[in-house]
Amino acid sequence: MHYLDYNEKIEHGTPDFPIAFYHVDEHHSRYNMPFHWHKEMELIQVQSGSLRLFLDDREILAGAGDVILIEEGVIHGGIPEHCVYECAVFDLKSTLMHTDACKRYIRLISRHQIQLYNYFQAVPREGTVRDPSVLPGAAPSSRDNSRLLQAVRSCLTP
């Protein structure tokens, strides 16, 4: 696999508003998500159905209400099944570099000195096992991430 061949060259958002929001259903041209990567982060929330998502060498089967955070530079793709999902694609650096506190955290995230959780299950499904290295309450809940998507959606809705 040649990493650079998968670079998605779509500009997400604008320099003034570096966030793009996508509502994806079976009528969307990118319903079946081809493998790609981009310099921005991506937050996906499954509204209904299921989405089999591949993040580098990891596979996640996400269901309704689940939220997935994809860090910049991660090769990802997905196979939806009767699925509707929403994505917010954003450049973390452009979005939050306005204060010293944010700059500090963005540097730590960019250097992978802060671990970001990338899968937030809305409701634990039978047969799924939470990562034992994650302490209860250590990761934000799916509900917290749903609020973030709602905030992004409200910014984009006239």
Protein backbone atom coordinates (compact mmCIF):
# COMPACT_ATOMS: atom_id res chain seq x y z
CA MET A 1 0.00 0.00 0.00
CA HIS A 2 1.39 3.38 -0.97
CA TYR A 3 0.33 5.79 1.77
CA LEU A 4 0.44 8.92 -0.41
CA ASP A 5 -1.87 7.36 -3.01
CA TYR A 6 -4.72 7.44 -0.49
CA ASN A 7 -4.44 11.16 0.31
CA GLU A 8 -7.88 12.74 -0.05
CA LYS A 9 -7.30 16.04 -1.77
CA ILE A 10 -10.69 17.56 -0.93
CA GLU A 11 -10.62 20.84 0.97
CA HIS A 12 -12.87 20.54 4.01
CA GLY A 13 -14.38 23.82 5.09
CA THR A 14 -12.79 27.19 4.37
CA PRO A 15 -9.83 29.07 5.86
CA ASP A 16 -12.33 31.19 7.83
CA PHE A 17 -14.39 28.18 8.95
CA PRO A 18 -12.20 25.03 8.80
CA ILE A 19 -15.02 22.54 9.45
CA ALA A 20 -17.06 20.53 6.95
CA PHE A 21 -20.21 18.62 7.86
CA TYR A 22 -21.58 15.71 5.84
CA HIS A 23 -24.86 13.84 6.20
CA VAL A 24 -24.36 10.49 4.47
CA ASP A 25 -27.11 8.08 3.45
CA GLU A 26 -27.46 5.56 0.61
CA HIS A 27 -27.96 8.43 -1.88
CA HIS A 28 -24.65 10.13 -1.05
CA SER A 29 -21.86 9.69 -3.61
CA ARG A 30 -19.45 8.48 -0.91
CA TYR A 31 -21.88 6.19 0.92
CA ASN A 32 -19.38 3.34 0.61
CA MET A 33 -16.37 5.09 2.12
CA PRO A 34 -13.25 4.35 0.04
CA PHE A 35 -9.91 4.09 1.84
CA HIS A 36 -8.35 7.51 2.25
CA TRP A 37 -6.58 9.80 4.70
CA HIS A 38 -6.46 13.55 5.21
CA LYS A 39 -4.68 16.09 7.37
CA GLU A 40 -7.87 16.91 9.25
CA MET A 41 -9.51 15.00 12.09
CA GLU A 42 -12.90 13.40 11.52
CA LEU A 43 -15.75 12.74 13.91
CA ILE A 44 -18.40 10.26 12.73
CA GLN A 45 -21.69 9.47 14.42
CA VAL A 46 -23.80 6.57 13.19
CA GLN A 47 -27.46 7.62 13.14
CA SER A 48 -28.93 4.26 12.12
CA GLY A 49 -27.82 0.89 10.78
CA SER A 50 -24.20 -0.15 11.11
CA LEU A 51 -20.85 0.96 9.73
CA ARG A 52 -17.87 -1.38 9.51
CA LEU A 53 -14.96 1.05 9.74
CA PHE A 54 -11.30 0.30 9.15
CA LEU A 55 -8.73 2.58 10.86
CA ASP A 56 -5.20 1.69 9.74
CA ASP A 57 -4.99 -1.92 11.00
CA ARG A 58 -8.02 -1.78 13.32
CA GLU A 59 -11.62 -2.74 12.53
CA ILE A 60 -14.66 -1.30 14.31
CA LEU A 61 -18.29 -2.30 13.86
CA ALA A 62 -20.22 0.80 14.89
CA GLY A 63 -23.97 0.91 15.46
CA ALA A 64 -26.61 3.59 15.93
CA GLY A 65 -25.46 6.26 18.38
CA ASP A 66 -21.80 5.25 18.31
CA VAL A 67 -19.17 7.91 17.68
CA ILE A 68 -15.76 7.40 16.08
CA LEU A 69 -12.91 9.92 16.21
CA ILE A 70 -10.34 9.56 13.43
CA GLU A 71 -7.05 11.33 13.96
CA GLU A 72 -5.23 13.16 11.20
CA GLY A 73 -3.23 10.97 8.82
CA VAL A 74 -5.04 7.69 9.63
CA ILE A 75 -5.97 5.63 6.58
CA HIS A 76 -9.65 4.80 6.94
CA GLY A 77 -12.57 3.45 4.96
CA GLY A 78 -15.95 1.96 5.69
CA ILE A 79 -18.69 -0.36 4.58
CA PRO A 80 -22.18 0.78 5.61
CA GLU A 81 -25.13 -1.55 6.05
CA HIS A 82 -28.54 0.16 5.98
CA CYS A 83 -26.66 3.06 7.50
CA VAL A 84 -27.06 6.79 7.90
CA TYR A 85 -24.09 8.58 9.42
CA GLU A 86 -22.84 12.11 9.91
CA CYS A 87 -19.26 13.34 9.69
CA ALA A 88 -17.56 16.50 10.87
CA VAL A 89 -14.14 16.93 9.26
CA PHE A 90 -12.04 19.66 10.85
CA ASP A 91 -8.51 20.97 11.10
CA LEU A 92 -7.85 20.94 14.82
CA LYS A 93 -4.91 23.31 14.52
CA SER A 94 -6.82 25.99 12.59
CA THR A 95 -9.90 25.56 14.75
CA LEU A 96 -8.32 25.88 18.20
CA MET A 97 -4.97 27.68 17.86
CA HIS A 98 -6.31 30.98 19.18
CA THR A 99 -5.31 30.64 22.83
CA ASP A 100 -2.12 29.51 24.54
CA ALA A 101 -3.94 26.75 26.43
CA CYS A 102 -5.35 25.32 23.21
CA LYS A 103 -1.97 25.58 21.46
CA ARG A 104 -0.37 23.56 24.25
CA TYR A 105 -2.94 20.75 24.02
CA ILE A 106 -2.87 20.68 20.24
CA ARG A 107 0.93 20.28 20.32
CA LEU A 108 0.56 17.38 22.78
CA ILE A 109 -2.13 15.74 20.61
CA SER A 110 -0.08 16.24 17.42
CA ARG A 111 2.94 14.61 19.07
CA HIS A 112 0.74 11.75 20.35
CA GLN A 113 1.65 12.66 23.94
CA ILE A 114 -2.04 12.68 24.82
CA GLN A 115 -4.00 9.55 23.99
CA LEU A 116 -7.27 10.22 22.22
CA TYR A 117 -9.96 7.59 22.45
CA ASN A 118 -11.40 6.89 19.04
CA TYR A 119 -14.47 4.75 19.67
CA PHE A 120 -17.37 5.69 21.90
CA GLN A 121 -20.10 3.09 22.05
CA ALA A 122 -23.56 4.50 22.72
CA VAL A 123 -24.87 1.35 24.39
CA PRO A 124 -22.68 -1.71 25.01
CA ARG A 125 -23.98 -4.46 22.76
CA GLU A 126 -24.06 -8.10 23.73
CA GLY A 127 -20.80 -9.81 22.92
CA THR A 128 -18.70 -6.63 22.96
CA VAL A 129 -15.90 -6.15 25.45
CA ARG A 130 -14.61 -2.80 26.57
CA ASP A 131 -10.86 -2.27 26.47
CA PRO A 132 -9.67 -3.37 29.95
CA SER A 133 -6.92 -0.75 29.90
CA VAL A 134 -9.55 2.00 29.89
CA LEU A 135 -10.77 2.97 33.33
CA PRO A 136 -14.51 3.58 33.72
CA GLY A 137 -15.21 7.25 33.21
CA ALA A 138 -11.78 7.94 31.69
CA ALA A 139 -13.12 8.49 28.19
CA PRO A 140 -15.80 10.96 27.17
CA SER A 141 -19.18 9.39 26.57
CA SER A 142 -20.89 8.99 23.22
CA ARG A 143 -23.42 11.53 24.47
CA ASP A 144 -20.65 14.11 24.95
CA ASN A 145 -19.49 13.56 21.38
CA SER A 146 -23.07 13.72 20.11
CA ARG A 147 -23.27 17.19 21.64
CA LEU A 148 -20.11 18.15 19.73
CA LEU A 149 -21.67 16.98 16.46
CA GLN A 150 -24.87 18.89 17.28
CA ALA A 151 -22.82 22.03 17.93
CA VAL A 152 -21.03 21.65 14.59
CA ARG A 153 -24.36 21.02 12.84
CA SER A 154 -25.88 24.15 14.40
CA CYS A 155 -22.94 26.26 13.17
CA LEU A 156 -23.57 25.06 9.63
CA THR A 157 -27.36 25.40 9.64
CA PRO A 158 -28.72 28.84 8.65
